[in-house]
Amino acid sequence: MSAKENLGGYYADSAYTPTKRQQWEAANPERDTIIGSRLSWDRRSRDNGTREEYGYNNIAVSQSWESQRAEKGLEGDDIFKGMKVHYDNQRIMPPNYKGSARLFFMVMAIGKGGFFLSLWVMGLAIFGMLGMAVFDGEYRQSFAAIKMMAKLIFPVLLFMVFLWKGGRFLERRWPSVFYGMQKSPMWQLNRQAGLFTIYDPKHAWKPRLEAPFHEYDAFLQSSPDTQGSATYSLILYHPFQRIRQKLDAQFPPTKMPGELVAAWQFLQRYMDVSQPLPDVPGLEIHRHKDPTTAAADQQQGRNPRYWRDMDEASVKKIQEEKYRRNIRLR
């Protein structure tokens, strides 16, 4: 099934194909830019994705979401309104967590990191003091120093455990509080329509910008973390409307820029109606609903349960192989 045939039926005329981007770039060689590394567009969308996209758990998560959608009879925008997420053959709309949820995640991360850092510091200090005791013979002084070190670090360890495990307790006990979500989405990718929509954060469901996917430029922007190391985010930017949108909700910031290059390849493949959907675990149960994908799978004889019939160890092996290749991308 050709792209032209697809566009004439199931897909809107605005649906994305690489040819549209090539023509748009040729017509707009001079356009506004932002700070960061602008990523290139593929002439043929590559079947790739981040490490998270190849996660084995995505199979069960996707099936759970589809069961909820079917039980509630949700379609279109009502899918996000009823479930606070939409991820299938038609749209990607990630969860929009409240500020309190982001704070919980950050506090838990600090607690977990601080716990292991404190253990490492205490272990290193004890090892050093014992070594000095062996060489100097000052066992009493060394053990007194170790005791003092333990008194100083142990309260820190307890506090970090409280932040880490306390967050886990809240996550299990009151998930509705911990995972508090906004009523409206941040952004939406629509494969069927070929549009990328950025919503107004102050007015639920009011589009701030809705434009064809091929009109956006993709950028990697870096910012220092608490240790000063570069952390990267993927951003879509409309050079004429001068509006940008971070995609952190779907592709979290990372120190591995290659992973976000893979995320960008995933987005292009997802939106490209001349190509099948990305072959990732979470989208498998939706492949037969998309005309281009269904035709390609039938032609290639793809097992419709390729991921679902695979054991967890095999999926993780593929996931790690993809990750090792992705981190070398530039």
C-alpha atoms as a PDB file:
ATOM      1  CA  MET A   1       0.000   0.000   0.000  1.00  0.00           C
ATOM      2  CA  SER A   2       1.545   3.286  -1.079  1.00  0.00           C
ATOM      3  CA  ALA A   3       1.607   6.523   0.854  1.00  0.00           C
ATOM      4  CA  LYS A   4      -0.702   8.070  -1.754  1.00  0.00           C
ATOM      5  CA  GLU A   5      -3.280   5.320  -1.269  1.00  0.00           C
ATOM      6  CA  ASN A   6      -3.037   5.667   2.496  1.00  0.00           C
ATOM      7  CA  LEU A   7      -3.533   9.415   2.374  1.00  0.00           C
ATOM      8  CA  GLY A   8      -6.607   9.023   0.235  1.00  0.00           C
ATOM      9  CA  GLY A   9      -8.454   6.879   2.757  1.00  0.00           C
ATOM     10  CA  TYR A  10      -7.782   6.335   6.431  1.00  0.00           C
ATOM     11  CA  TYR A  11      -5.256   9.185   6.839  1.00  0.00           C
ATOM     12  CA  ALA A  12      -5.900  12.916   6.548  1.00  0.00           C
ATOM     13  CA  ASP A  13      -4.330  14.927   3.738  1.00  0.00           C
ATOM     14  CA  SER A  14      -2.115  16.532   6.386  1.00  0.00           C
ATOM     15  CA  ALA A  15      -0.628  13.159   7.410  1.00  0.00           C
ATOM     16  CA  TYR A  16       3.173  13.131   7.449  1.00  0.00           C
ATOM     17  CA  THR A  17       5.536  11.616   4.904  1.00  0.00           C
ATOM     18  CA  PRO A  18       9.264  12.441   4.542  1.00  0.00           C
ATOM     19  CA  THR A  19       8.585  14.061   1.150  1.00  0.00           C
ATOM     20  CA  LYS A  20       6.541  16.792   2.834  1.00  0.00           C
ATOM     21  CA  ARG A  21       9.452  17.651   5.119  1.00  0.00           C
ATOM     22  CA  GLN A  22      11.911  17.753   2.215  1.00  0.00           C
ATOM     23  CA  GLN A  23       9.662  20.116   0.287  1.00  0.00           C
ATOM     24  CA  TRP A  24       9.104  22.288   3.367  1.00  0.00           C
ATOM     25  CA  GLU A  25      12.850  22.545   4.065  1.00  0.00           C
ATOM     26  CA  ALA A  26      13.497  23.505   0.447  1.00  0.00           C
ATOM     27  CA  ALA A  27      10.863  26.249   0.696  1.00  0.00           C
ATOM     28  CA  ASN A  28      12.132  27.516   4.077  1.00  0.00           C
ATOM     29  CA  PRO A  29      15.950  27.415   4.084  1.00  0.00           C
ATOM     30  CA  GLU A  30      16.181  30.455   6.363  1.00  0.00           C
ATOM     31  CA  ARG A  31      14.187  30.037   9.546  1.00  0.00           C
ATOM     32  CA  ASP A  32      14.402  30.891  13.211  1.00  0.00           C
ATOM     33  CA  THR A  33      16.437  28.663  15.487  1.00  0.00           C
ATOM     34  CA  ILE A  34      17.065  28.175  19.202  1.00  0.00           C
ATOM     35  CA  ILE A  35      20.067  27.260  21.322  1.00  0.00           C
ATOM     36  CA  GLY A  36      20.891  23.567  21.039  1.00  0.00           C
ATOM     37  CA  SER A  37      21.763  20.944  18.450  1.00  0.00           C
ATOM     38  CA  ARG A  38      19.235  20.762  15.640  1.00  0.00           C
ATOM     39  CA  LEU A  39      18.546  17.162  14.650  1.00  0.00           C
ATOM     40  CA  SER A  40      18.232  16.070  11.044  1.00  0.00           C
ATOM     41  CA  TRP A  41      15.182  14.484   9.433  1.00  0.00           C
ATOM     42  CA  ASP A  42      15.463  11.047   7.833  1.00  0.00           C
ATOM     43  CA  ARG A  43      14.622  10.637   4.149  1.00  0.00           C
ATOM     44  CA  ARG A  44      13.258   7.223   5.104  1.00  0.00           C
ATOM     45  CA  SER A  45      12.027   6.911   8.685  1.00  0.00           C
ATOM     46  CA  ARG A  46      14.096   4.452  10.717  1.00  0.00           C
ATOM     47  CA  ASP A  47      12.530   1.822  12.953  1.00  0.00           C
ATOM     48  CA  ASN A  48      14.124   2.705  16.264  1.00  0.00           C
ATOM     49  CA  GLY A  49      13.283   3.788  19.801  1.00  0.00           C
ATOM     50  CA  THR A  50      14.715   4.441  23.228  1.00  0.00           C
ATOM     51  CA  ARG A  51      15.555   1.822  25.812  1.00  0.00           C
ATOM     52  CA  GLU A  52      12.233   2.511  27.550  1.00  0.00           C
ATOM     53  CA  GLU A  53      10.243   1.920  24.366  1.00  0.00           C
ATOM     54  CA  TYR A  54      11.628  -1.633  24.221  1.00  0.00           C
ATOM     55  CA  GLY A  55      10.756  -2.428  27.836  1.00  0.00           C
ATOM     56  CA  TYR A  56       9.109  -5.813  28.450  1.00  0.00           C
ATOM     57  CA  ASN A  57       6.652  -4.264  30.927  1.00  0.00           C
ATOM     58  CA  ASN A  58       5.214  -2.130  28.120  1.00  0.00           C
ATOM     59  CA  ILE A  59       3.386  -5.220  26.831  1.00  0.00           C
ATOM     60  CA  ALA A  60       1.313  -5.575  30.003  1.00  0.00           C
ATOM     61  CA  VAL A  61       0.877  -1.805  30.397  1.00  0.00           C
ATOM     62  CA  SER A  62      -0.419  -1.431  26.844  1.00  0.00           C
ATOM     63  CA  GLN A  63      -2.824  -4.358  27.248  1.00  0.00           C
ATOM     64  CA  SER A  64      -4.103  -2.890  30.525  1.00  0.00           C
ATOM     65  CA  TRP A  65      -4.743   0.498  28.912  1.00  0.00           C
ATOM     66  CA  GLU A  66      -6.546  -1.125  25.993  1.00  0.00           C
ATOM     67  CA  SER A  67      -8.736  -3.175  28.345  1.00  0.00           C
ATOM     68  CA  GLN A  68      -9.673  -0.055  30.317  1.00  0.00           C
ATOM     69  CA  ARG A  69     -10.463   1.821  27.117  1.00  0.00           C
ATOM     70  CA  ALA A  70     -12.695  -0.987  25.835  1.00  0.00           C
ATOM     71  CA  GLU A  71     -14.503  -1.430  29.171  1.00  0.00           C
ATOM     72  CA  LYS A  72     -15.259   2.291  29.397  1.00  0.00           C
ATOM     73  CA  GLY A  73     -16.096   2.621  25.696  1.00  0.00           C
ATOM     74  CA  LEU A  74     -13.668   5.509  25.252  1.00  0.00           C
ATOM     75  CA  GLU A  75     -12.773   6.956  21.853  1.00  0.00           C
ATOM     76  CA  GLY A  76     -10.902  10.023  20.599  1.00  0.00           C
ATOM     77  CA  ASP A  77     -10.190  12.735  23.167  1.00  0.00           C
ATOM     78  CA  ASP A  78     -12.254  10.826  25.733  1.00  0.00           C
ATOM     79  CA  ILE A  79      -9.445   8.253  25.976  1.00  0.00           C
ATOM     80  CA  PHE A  80      -7.143  10.799  27.613  1.00  0.00           C
ATOM     81  CA  LYS A  81      -9.972  12.372  29.607  1.00  0.00           C
ATOM     82  CA  GLY A  82     -10.892   8.994  31.050  1.00  0.00           C
ATOM     83  CA  MET A  83      -7.435   7.461  31.476  1.00  0.00           C
ATOM     84  CA  LYS A  84      -5.044  10.455  31.550  1.00  0.00           C
ATOM     85  CA  VAL A  85      -2.895   8.807  28.852  1.00  0.00           C
ATOM     86  CA  HIS A  86      -3.247   7.859  25.178  1.00  0.00           C
ATOM     87  CA  TYR A  87      -0.723   5.625  23.414  1.00  0.00           C
ATOM     88  CA  ASP A  88      -1.838   3.639  20.381  1.00  0.00           C
ATOM     89  CA  ASN A  89      -1.816   3.575  16.581  1.00  0.00           C
ATOM     90  CA  GLN A  90      -3.537   6.971  16.325  1.00  0.00           C
ATOM     91  CA  ARG A  91      -2.114   9.228  19.043  1.00  0.00           C
ATOM     92  CA  ILE A  92       0.546   9.660  21.679  1.00  0.00           C
ATOM     93  CA  MET A  93      -0.512  11.828  24.645  1.00  0.00           C
ATOM     94  CA  PRO A  94       1.702  11.203  27.695  1.00  0.00           C
ATOM     95  CA  PRO A  95       0.552  11.659  31.320  1.00  0.00           C
ATOM     96  CA  ASN A  96       0.654  15.227  32.572  1.00  0.00           C
ATOM     97  CA  TYR A  97       1.755  14.911  36.197  1.00  0.00           C
ATOM     98  CA  LYS A  98       1.048  17.622  38.732  1.00  0.00           C
ATOM     99  CA  GLY A  99       3.899  19.514  40.342  1.00  0.00           C
ATOM    100  CA  SER A 100       3.436  17.491  43.541  1.00  0.00           C
ATOM    101  CA  ALA A 101       4.070  14.231  41.670  1.00  0.00           C
ATOM    102  CA  ARG A 102       7.247  15.625  40.110  1.00  0.00           C
ATOM    103  CA  LEU A 103       8.374  16.731  43.583  1.00  0.00           C
ATOM    104  CA  PHE A 104       7.750  13.221  44.947  1.00  0.00           C
ATOM    105  CA  PHE A 105       9.814  11.684  42.158  1.00  0.00           C
ATOM    106  CA  MET A 106      12.652  14.145  42.732  1.00  0.00           C
ATOM    107  CA  VAL A 107      12.679  13.587  46.508  1.00  0.00           C
ATOM    108  CA  MET A 108      12.713   9.805  46.038  1.00  0.00           C
ATOM    109  CA  ALA A 109      15.607  10.089  43.588  1.00  0.00           C
ATOM    110  CA  ILE A 110      17.561  12.265  46.044  1.00  0.00           C
ATOM    111  CA  GLY A 111      16.857   9.784  48.843  1.00  0.00           C
ATOM    112  CA  LYS A 112      17.957   6.766  46.856  1.00  0.00           C
ATOM    113  CA  GLY A 113      21.063   8.471  45.471  1.00  0.00           C
ATOM    114  CA  GLY A 114      21.964   9.959  48.857  1.00  0.00           C
ATOM    115  CA  PHE A 115      21.604   6.571  50.567  1.00  0.00           C
ATOM    116  CA  PHE A 116      24.066   4.807  48.267  1.00  0.00           C
ATOM    117  CA  LEU A 117      26.438   7.795  48.252  1.00  0.00           C
ATOM    118  CA  SER A 118      26.467   7.849  52.075  1.00  0.00           C
ATOM    119  CA  LEU A 119      27.141   4.111  52.176  1.00  0.00           C
ATOM    120  CA  TRP A 120      30.000   4.524  49.731  1.00  0.00           C
ATOM    121  CA  VAL A 121      31.543   7.398  51.731  1.00  0.00           C
ATOM    122  CA  MET A 122      31.225   5.502  55.009  1.00  0.00           C
ATOM    123  CA  GLY A 123      32.659   2.311  53.527  1.00  0.00           C
ATOM    124  CA  LEU A 124      35.586   4.177  51.994  1.00  0.00           C
ATOM    125  CA  ALA A 125      36.287   5.994  55.263  1.00  0.00           C
ATOM    126  CA  ILE A 126      36.158   2.786  57.334  1.00  0.00           C
ATOM    127  CA  PHE A 127      38.426   0.975  54.891  1.00  0.00           C
ATOM    128  CA  GLY A 128      40.928   3.834  54.988  1.00  0.00           C
ATOM    129  CA  MET A 129      40.956   4.041  58.774  1.00  0.00           C
ATOM    130  CA  LEU A 130      41.394   0.283  59.142  1.00  0.00           C
ATOM    131  CA  GLY A 131      44.272   0.428  56.688  1.00  0.00           C
ATOM    132  CA  MET A 132      45.925   3.167  58.722  1.00  0.00           C
ATOM    133  CA  ALA A 133      45.426   1.123  61.884  1.00  0.00           C
ATOM    134  CA  VAL A 134      47.177  -1.879  60.352  1.00  0.00           C
ATOM    135  CA  PHE A 135      50.181   0.178  59.290  1.00  0.00           C
ATOM    136  CA  ASP A 136      50.394   2.455  62.373  1.00  0.00           C
ATOM    137  CA  GLY A 137      49.203   0.061  65.058  1.00  0.00           C
ATOM    138  CA  GLU A 138      46.856   2.737  66.466  1.00  0.00           C
ATOM    139  CA  TYR A 139      43.813   0.471  66.653  1.00  0.00           C
ATOM    140  CA  ARG A 140      42.129   2.297  69.528  1.00  0.00           C
ATOM    141  CA  GLN A 141      42.268   5.690  67.825  1.00  0.00           C
ATOM    142  CA  SER A 142      41.153   4.233  64.507  1.00  0.00           C
ATOM    143  CA  PHE A 143      38.147   2.471  66.027  1.00  0.00           C
ATOM    144  CA  ALA A 144      37.239   5.664  67.881  1.00  0.00           C
ATOM    145  CA  ALA A 145      37.389   7.555  64.570  1.00  0.00           C
ATOM    146  CA  ILE A 146      35.245   4.896  62.872  1.00  0.00           C
ATOM    147  CA  LYS A 147      32.691   5.170  65.671  1.00  0.00           C
ATOM    148  CA  MET A 148      32.599   8.941  65.290  1.00  0.00           C
ATOM    149  CA  MET A 149      32.204   8.616  61.506  1.00  0.00           C
ATOM    150  CA  ALA A 150      29.300   6.189  61.967  1.00  0.00           C
ATOM    151  CA  LYS A 151      27.577   8.598  64.368  1.00  0.00           C
ATOM    152  CA  LEU A 152      27.839  11.365  61.804  1.00  0.00           C
ATOM    153  CA  ILE A 153      26.748   9.397  58.732  1.00  0.00           C
ATOM    154  CA  PHE A 154      24.139   7.046  60.225  1.00  0.00           C
ATOM    155  CA  PRO A 155      21.505   9.816  60.734  1.00  0.00           C
ATOM    156  CA  VAL A 156      22.076  10.894  57.133  1.00  0.00           C
ATOM    157  CA  LEU A 157      21.541   7.298  55.992  1.00  0.00           C
ATOM    158  CA  LEU A 158      18.303   7.072  57.966  1.00  0.00           C
ATOM    159  CA  PHE A 159      17.028  10.345  56.513  1.00  0.00           C
ATOM    160  CA  MET A 160      17.828   9.236  52.953  1.00  0.00           C
ATOM    161  CA  VAL A 161      16.081   5.897  53.533  1.00  0.00           C
ATOM    162  CA  PHE A 162      13.063   7.813  54.842  1.00  0.00           C
ATOM    163  CA  LEU A 163      12.910   9.917  51.660  1.00  0.00           C
ATOM    164  CA  TRP A 164      13.372   6.910  49.393  1.00  0.00           C
ATOM    165  CA  LYS A 165      11.229   4.258  51.077  1.00  0.00           C
ATOM    166  CA  GLY A 166       8.720   6.793  52.366  1.00  0.00           C
ATOM    167  CA  GLY A 167       8.051   7.806  48.782  1.00  0.00           C
ATOM    168  CA  ARG A 168       7.627   4.164  47.805  1.00  0.00           C
ATOM    169  CA  PHE A 169       5.117   3.713  50.645  1.00  0.00           C
ATOM    170  CA  LEU A 170       3.072   6.701  49.464  1.00  0.00           C
ATOM    171  CA  GLU A 171       3.263   5.367  45.905  1.00  0.00           C
ATOM    172  CA  ARG A 172       1.733   2.043  46.974  1.00  0.00           C
ATOM    173  CA  ARG A 173      -0.675   3.342  49.654  1.00  0.00           C
ATOM    174  CA  TRP A 174      -2.098   6.444  47.967  1.00  0.00           C
ATOM    175  CA  PRO A 175      -1.276   6.230  44.230  1.00  0.00           C
ATOM    176  CA  SER A 176      -3.985   8.760  43.350  1.00  0.00           C
ATOM    177  CA  VAL A 177      -2.131  11.353  45.427  1.00  0.00           C
ATOM    178  CA  PHE A 178       1.348  10.277  44.428  1.00  0.00           C
ATOM    179  CA  TYR A 179       0.535  10.111  40.740  1.00  0.00           C
ATOM    180  CA  GLY A 180      -1.652  13.195  40.676  1.00  0.00           C
ATOM    181  CA  MET A 181      -2.326  14.229  37.090  1.00  0.00           C
ATOM    182  CA  GLN A 182      -3.637  17.296  35.352  1.00  0.00           C
ATOM    183  CA  LYS A 183      -7.004  17.145  33.574  1.00  0.00           C
ATOM    184  CA  SER A 184      -5.568  18.091  30.204  1.00  0.00           C
ATOM    185  CA  PRO A 185      -2.529  16.930  28.209  1.00  0.00           C
ATOM    186  CA  MET A 186       0.686  18.842  27.562  1.00  0.00           C
ATOM    187  CA  TRP A 187       0.972  17.825  23.926  1.00  0.00           C
ATOM    188  CA  GLN A 188      -0.330  15.386  21.356  1.00  0.00           C
ATOM    189  CA  LEU A 189       1.126  13.559  18.367  1.00  0.00           C
ATOM    190  CA  ASN A 190      -1.568  12.491  15.915  1.00  0.00           C
ATOM    191  CA  ARG A 191      -0.390  10.000  13.272  1.00  0.00           C
ATOM    192  CA  GLN A 192      -3.724   9.854  11.480  1.00  0.00           C
ATOM    193  CA  ALA A 193      -3.902  13.636  11.086  1.00  0.00           C
ATOM    194  CA  GLY A 194      -0.163  14.348  10.874  1.00  0.00           C
ATOM    195  CA  LEU A 195      -0.390  17.073  13.519  1.00  0.00           C
ATOM    196  CA  PHE A 196       1.601  17.985  16.606  1.00  0.00           C
ATOM    197  CA  THR A 197      -0.458  19.947  19.148  1.00  0.00           C
ATOM    198  CA  ILE A 198       0.897  21.941  22.090  1.00  0.00           C
ATOM    199  CA  TYR A 199      -1.727  22.714  24.742  1.00  0.00           C
ATOM    200  CA  ASP A 200      -2.040  25.839  26.842  1.00  0.00           C
ATOM    201  CA  PRO A 201      -1.021  24.887  30.417  1.00  0.00           C
ATOM    202  CA  LYS A 202      -3.374  27.518  31.863  1.00  0.00           C
ATOM    203  CA  HIS A 203      -6.490  26.518  29.913  1.00  0.00           C
ATOM    204  CA  ALA A 204      -7.418  22.836  29.816  1.00  0.00           C
ATOM    205  CA  TRP A 205      -7.642  21.383  26.302  1.00  0.00           C
ATOM    206  CA  LYS A 206      -7.056  24.741  24.612  1.00  0.00           C
ATOM    207  CA  PRO A 207      -4.416  24.335  21.880  1.00  0.00           C
ATOM    208  CA  ARG A 208      -1.618  26.843  22.110  1.00  0.00           C
ATOM    209  CA  LEU A 209      -0.387  25.659  18.723  1.00  0.00           C
ATOM    210  CA  GLU A 210      -1.556  22.968  16.315  1.00  0.00           C
ATOM    211  CA  ALA A 211       0.564  22.556  13.200  1.00  0.00           C
ATOM    212  CA  PRO A 212       1.681  19.844  10.779  1.00  0.00           C
ATOM    213  CA  PHE A 213       4.414  17.677  12.249  1.00  0.00           C
ATOM    214  CA  HIS A 214       6.776  18.394   9.349  1.00  0.00           C
ATOM    215  CA  GLU A 215       6.878  22.116  10.242  1.00  0.00           C
ATOM    216  CA  TYR A 216       8.676  21.542  13.542  1.00  0.00           C
ATOM    217  CA  ASP A 217      12.425  21.391  14.085  1.00  0.00           C
ATOM    218  CA  ALA A 218      13.840  18.982  16.677  1.00  0.00           C
ATOM    219  CA  PHE A 219      16.565  20.095  19.054  1.00  0.00           C
ATOM    220  CA  LEU A 220      18.690  18.585  21.787  1.00  0.00           C
ATOM    221  CA  GLN A 221      19.222  21.049  24.616  1.00  0.00           C
ATOM    222  CA  SER A 222      21.576  20.426  27.512  1.00  0.00           C
ATOM    223  CA  SER A 223      21.529  21.768  31.052  1.00  0.00           C
ATOM    224  CA  PRO A 224      23.757  20.926  34.040  1.00  0.00           C
ATOM    225  CA  ASP A 225      22.478  18.596  36.746  1.00  0.00           C
ATOM    226  CA  THR A 226      23.298  18.959  40.453  1.00  0.00           C
ATOM    227  CA  GLN A 227      26.802  17.525  39.833  1.00  0.00           C
ATOM    228  CA  GLY A 228      27.415  19.801  36.853  1.00  0.00           C
ATOM    229  CA  SER A 229      27.124  17.020  34.249  1.00  0.00           C
ATOM    230  CA  ALA A 230      25.236  17.731  31.020  1.00  0.00           C
ATOM    231  CA  THR A 231      21.670  16.409  30.909  1.00  0.00           C
ATOM    232  CA  TYR A 232      19.854  16.465  27.569  1.00  0.00           C
ATOM    233  CA  SER A 233      16.201  17.060  26.647  1.00  0.00           C
ATOM    234  CA  LEU A 234      14.397  16.619  23.335  1.00  0.00           C
ATOM    235  CA  ILE A 235      12.466  19.677  22.130  1.00  0.00           C
ATOM    236  CA  LEU A 236      10.174  20.337  19.185  1.00  0.00           C
ATOM    237  CA  TYR A 237      10.226  23.960  18.037  1.00  0.00           C
ATOM    238  CA  HIS A 238       8.054  25.748  15.464  1.00  0.00           C
ATOM    239  CA  PRO A 239      10.411  28.265  13.808  1.00  0.00           C
ATOM    240  CA  PHE A 240       7.687  30.607  12.568  1.00  0.00           C
ATOM    241  CA  GLN A 241       5.334  30.567  15.555  1.00  0.00           C
ATOM    242  CA  ARG A 242       8.417  30.511  17.826  1.00  0.00           C
ATOM    243  CA  ILE A 243       6.821  28.081  20.259  1.00  0.00           C
ATOM    244  CA  ARG A 244       8.706  25.162  21.741  1.00  0.00           C
ATOM    245  CA  GLN A 245       7.711  22.042  23.659  1.00  0.00           C
ATOM    246  CA  LYS A 246       9.908  19.767  25.736  1.00  0.00           C
ATOM    247  CA  LEU A 247       9.063  16.096  25.327  1.00  0.00           C
ATOM    248  CA  ASP A 248      10.312  15.081  28.773  1.00  0.00           C
ATOM    249  CA  ALA A 249       6.991  13.444  29.689  1.00  0.00           C
ATOM    250  CA  GLN A 250       7.510  10.742  27.043  1.00  0.00           C
ATOM    251  CA  PHE A 251      11.315  10.807  26.758  1.00  0.00           C
ATOM    252  CA  PRO A 252      12.872  11.780  30.116  1.00  0.00           C
ATOM    253  CA  PRO A 253      16.056  13.878  30.221  1.00  0.00           C
ATOM    254  CA  THR A 254      19.199  11.771  29.998  1.00  0.00           C
ATOM    255  CA  LYS A 255      22.981  12.030  29.982  1.00  0.00           C
ATOM    256  CA  MET A 256      23.014   9.887  26.812  1.00  0.00           C
ATOM    257  CA  PRO A 257      22.197  12.167  23.840  1.00  0.00           C
ATOM    258  CA  GLY A 258      22.122   9.133  21.542  1.00  0.00           C
ATOM    259  CA  GLU A 259      19.022   7.893  23.355  1.00  0.00           C
ATOM    260  CA  LEU A 260      17.179  11.081  22.427  1.00  0.00           C
ATOM    261  CA  VAL A 261      18.369  10.822  18.830  1.00  0.00           C
ATOM    262  CA  ALA A 262      16.718   7.381  18.904  1.00  0.00           C
ATOM    263  CA  ALA A 263      13.605   8.997  20.392  1.00  0.00           C
ATOM    264  CA  TRP A 264      13.555  11.440  17.483  1.00  0.00           C
ATOM    265  CA  GLN A 265      13.837   8.528  15.028  1.00  0.00           C
ATOM    266  CA  PHE A 266      10.956   6.843  16.861  1.00  0.00           C
ATOM    267  CA  LEU A 267       8.760   9.940  16.478  1.00  0.00           C
ATOM    268  CA  GLN A 268       9.492  10.256  12.769  1.00  0.00           C
ATOM    269  CA  ARG A 269       8.670   6.586  12.211  1.00  0.00           C
ATOM    270  CA  TYR A 270       5.504   6.850  14.314  1.00  0.00           C
ATOM    271  CA  MET A 271       4.227   9.821  12.297  1.00  0.00           C
ATOM    272  CA  ASP A 272       5.332   8.597   8.851  1.00  0.00           C
ATOM    273  CA  VAL A 273       2.238   7.020   7.264  1.00  0.00           C
ATOM    274  CA  SER A 274       4.307   5.690   4.340  1.00  0.00           C
ATOM    275  CA  GLN A 275       6.019   3.372   6.842  1.00  0.00           C
ATOM    276  CA  PRO A 276       4.690   0.883   9.431  1.00  0.00           C
ATOM    277  CA  LEU A 277       4.481   1.871  13.076  1.00  0.00           C
ATOM    278  CA  PRO A 278       7.678   1.434  15.123  1.00  0.00           C
ATOM    279  CA  ASP A 279       7.983  -2.241  16.001  1.00  0.00           C
ATOM    280  CA  VAL A 280       8.090  -1.866  19.788  1.00  0.00           C
ATOM    281  CA  PRO A 281       6.327  -3.974  22.471  1.00  0.00           C
ATOM    282  CA  GLY A 282       3.838  -1.321  23.581  1.00  0.00           C
ATOM    283  CA  LEU A 283       2.407  -0.753  20.094  1.00  0.00           C
ATOM    284  CA  GLU A 284       2.103  -4.398  19.002  1.00  0.00           C
ATOM    285  CA  ILE A 285      -1.563  -4.829  19.947  1.00  0.00           C
ATOM    286  CA  HIS A 286      -2.428  -1.777  17.819  1.00  0.00           C
ATOM    287  CA  ARG A 287      -0.533  -2.657  14.639  1.00  0.00           C
ATOM    288  CA  HIS A 288      -3.482  -4.316  12.899  1.00  0.00           C
ATOM    289  CA  LYS A 289      -5.563  -1.112  13.252  1.00  0.00           C
ATOM    290  CA  ASP A 290      -3.186   0.983  11.137  1.00  0.00           C
ATOM    291  CA  PRO A 291      -3.588   0.413   7.358  1.00  0.00           C
ATOM    292  CA  THR A 292       0.062   0.912   6.382  1.00  0.00           C
ATOM    293  CA  THR A 293       1.282  -1.255   9.231  1.00  0.00           C
ATOM    294  CA  ALA A 294      -1.263  -4.011   8.670  1.00  0.00           C
ATOM    295  CA  ALA A 295      -0.389  -4.211   4.953  1.00  0.00           C
ATOM    296  CA  ALA A 296       3.360  -4.294   5.630  1.00  0.00           C
ATOM    297  CA  ASP A 297       3.003  -6.935   8.358  1.00  0.00           C
ATOM    298  CA  GLN A 298       0.914  -9.126   6.078  1.00  0.00           C
ATOM    299  CA  GLN A 299       3.397  -8.775   3.224  1.00  0.00           C
ATOM    300  CA  GLN A 300       6.361  -9.595   5.477  1.00  0.00           C
ATOM    301  CA  GLY A 301       4.560 -12.402   7.298  1.00  0.00           C
ATOM    302  CA  ARG A 302       5.227 -10.812  10.677  1.00  0.00           C
ATOM    303  CA  ASN A 303       4.031 -12.827  13.664  1.00  0.00           C
ATOM    304  CA  PRO A 304       1.258 -10.647  15.186  1.00  0.00           C
ATOM    305  CA  ARG A 305       2.377 -11.882  18.635  1.00  0.00           C
ATOM    306  CA  TYR A 306       6.095 -11.383  18.043  1.00  0.00           C
ATOM    307  CA  TRP A 307       6.711  -9.524  21.301  1.00  0.00           C
ATOM    308  CA  ARG A 308       3.957 -11.146  23.360  1.00  0.00           C
ATOM    309  CA  ASP A 309       5.207 -14.680  22.629  1.00  0.00           C
ATOM    310  CA  MET A 310       8.766 -13.765  23.560  1.00  0.00           C
ATOM    311  CA  ASP A 311      10.073 -14.456  27.079  1.00  0.00           C
ATOM    312  CA  GLU A 312      11.253 -11.556  29.233  1.00  0.00           C
ATOM    313  CA  ALA A 313      14.946 -12.455  28.951  1.00  0.00           C
ATOM    314  CA  SER A 314      14.815 -12.356  25.137  1.00  0.00           C
ATOM    315  CA  VAL A 315      13.052  -8.981  25.127  1.00  0.00           C
ATOM    316  CA  LYS A 316      15.634  -7.575  27.540  1.00  0.00           C
ATOM    317  CA  LYS A 317      18.446  -8.837  25.306  1.00  0.00           C
ATOM    318  CA  ILE A 318      16.989  -6.969  22.318  1.00  0.00           C
ATOM    319  CA  GLN A 319      16.459  -3.921  24.547  1.00  0.00           C
ATOM    320  CA  GLU A 320      20.111  -3.875  25.619  1.00  0.00           C
ATOM    321  CA  GLU A 321      21.352  -4.386  22.048  1.00  0.00           C
ATOM    322  CA  LYS A 322      19.252  -1.409  20.907  1.00  0.00           C
ATOM    323  CA  TYR A 323      20.517   0.698  23.793  1.00  0.00           C
ATOM    324  CA  ARG A 324      24.171  -0.041  23.043  1.00  0.00           C
ATOM    325  CA  ARG A 325      23.629   1.012  19.429  1.00  0.00           C
ATOM    326  CA  ASN A 326      21.621   4.082  20.374  1.00  0.00           C
ATOM    327  CA  ILE A 327      24.161   5.585  22.746  1.00  0.00           C
ATOM    328  CA  ARG A 328      26.596   5.816  19.812  1.00  0.00           C
ATOM    329  CA  LEU A 329      24.140   7.861  17.734  1.00  0.00           C
ATOM    330  CA  ARG A 330      24.911  11.509  17.067  1.00  0.00           C
END
